[in-house]
Structures are given as structure tokens and as C-alpha cells.
Amino acid sequence: MSRFDMTPLTRTFRTLLLLLLLAGLVGARADPRIESPGWYSAKIGRFTVTALWDGTIPMPVEQEFSAPAPARLKTLLARDSLGMTVPMSVNAFVIDTGQRIVMVDAGTGALRTFGEGLGRVLANLRAAGYSPEQIDEIYLTHMHADHVGGLTVDGRAVYPNAVVRADAREAGHYLSREKMAAAGPEKPDFETAIAALEPYVRSGRFKPFDGPADLIAGVKALPARGHTPGHTMYAVESDGEKLVVWGDLVHIAAIELPLPTAAMAYEADAAEARASRLRALRDAARERTWIAAAHLGFPGVGKVRADARGGGYTWISMALVRGR
């Protein structure tokens, strides 16, 4: 049959099939919205967690990892058919408790520090059915540019009603002009953080917390320091289910899961970062908690399984477990 011979019913079926293939099937919940490739929602107990894709950063692995040696890195990456430059996803997350709507991290926004392939969080937030005005609170895992850049545009708050929260150690570091003056090559991180937080600080809507903290019902802040001085995870619990938002504990699954002792070149405290990663992986595998990771392949939500040999871990995407 030629493409001109299709009956109206056949054309309708093929159009529907194409839309489903492009958008992805909704599998984890009963929800009338159609998902696009830039957002993914699933239920954690009574809460809805939505991953928002910001784009990808090309990561030159040999430059970014100080250990293991390049030959070992190449071998690990080859197992997943990856080369020495890896497209690293940038993900933010929305937690909708039914009472409060919280974002964890805000993506890069209009920043072009990492190239042109980013800046999609706000568009994907809207595509998922939320407006920036609806966001009640924003929790920062840390204050690197790919996590805070999306807070502002042209000096104005993107989320006009949100309270922004982060660990006091993180704020004391990246919002300090004295530390910025002494920072050397890290100075742009300070400049971006100060500019991104400024309208929230000015309006009294930046409220740091100190160490472990209950933030809202069902959401806790947990220190996971090392990547930055105040790097933080967020534990989300509802009706017996648990998800932990990891931030930057893991960047490249093909490296840091089979070899959790791998070390990135720009950790604030490499030993502390390694200890935080090992502890988080061990706990996630033992407790079988869901994980939301800022830099694992979108949607970045899944579980880790301890490998029987070698001391490593395997990533299992929620999209595979629950459908998409």
C-alpha cells in the first residue's frame, strides 16, 4: 500500500503511534499529561517527583579525573561504548508533595559557560505542567554554576515566590567576596553563585540551614561534603518509599559506579568526596532506595545494585523498572 492509500483510521493510528514513540509511554502512574523527552515523572509514595533535563555537557574525562590512570579510564568507558569525551547530562528535580512544590537545583539557565547545549530546565518545567511562580522552595545541592545559573535571568529572580535554601557552609564559601578574591581559577564559580543568589538574598528569600535538617514534611537535608564544602543530599520519604537526591556524588556512571574510588580533579576535598560517595552507594544498595542524580543519563532516577565481585555498583534506571 502506498502512503497515499491509507484509510483515515490507519492514518489516525499511525499518528498516535508516532506521538507515543516521540513522547514516551506513561508507565509509573495514572496521569493525564503526556511526557516529552525533557521531563519524566513518577510517584514516590504520595509525592510526585519530576526530573527536568537541562541538556548535556561534553566532559573530557582525562582532564576531569585525576584517578585512575587514563588507560584504566579508557577501559571503563569502552565497556559502555563511550570515548574519552562523554556527554554528561544535567538534571534538576521537582518534588510535589501535594502541599508544597520544591525544586532541587535549577540548571544553568542563560549561562553559556558550558556551551550551547544547556538551559532547558525552565522550558521543561513548564512542559511538565508547572509554572515558575508555583515553586515554593528551591534546595541547592551545591553552588556550582550548572546548579544555580538558572535561578536568575538578567539579574531577576526566575522563581519569584520561592525561598532558596542551601547548607550554611556552602553559602559561607561561595557567597563570600573575601574568599572569591583569593580563589584564583575558581573565581568564576563565586561570581556566578553571588549573582544567581543576589535577588533572593536581597529580598530575604535565601535561608541557609546548618547540617542535617528537616526542611518540609517528608524532605530532609543530609550532608554529603567533599565535592564542595557544603555539598548536600536531600532525602524524600512518603508512604514507605524513599528517594535520595544525590547532587554531584557521581558524574559518570561508567567510571564511578564500577570504581567508586575514582577521583575528580576539582573536588574541594577529594578524600571527603570519596567517603561521601562510598557511603551513599553502600546505603542506597543496602536500603534499595531510589536515587535522583544530577549528572547520570536522563532522567537520572533509578537504583544501584552492589556487584557480586569487585566492590562496584550497577545503575538501574527507573525508566526501565517502571516504564516511561
Foldseek 3Di string as FASTA:
>chain_A
DDPVPDDPVRVVVVVVVVLCVQQFDQFADDDPATHHPQKDWHDQAQKIKMKGWFFWFWAQQCQWFPDDHPVVVQVLQVVVPDHRTDTWTFIKMWIGNVVAIEIEFFFQAPDCPRHDGGRCRQVNCVSVPDHLQRHAEYEYLAQFNGRQNRQDDPLHGRNVRYQYEFAPQRCVQLCDPVNLVVPPPCNVSSVSSNSSCVVCVVVVRYDYDHAWDDDDVQKIWHAQAWQHHGRIKIWGHHPHAIEIEHEVLDAECSPCQLPVLTFTPRTPHGVSSSVSSLVVLVCQQVVVHWYAYRTDDPPRIFGWHADPDRRGIDTDHVCVVRND
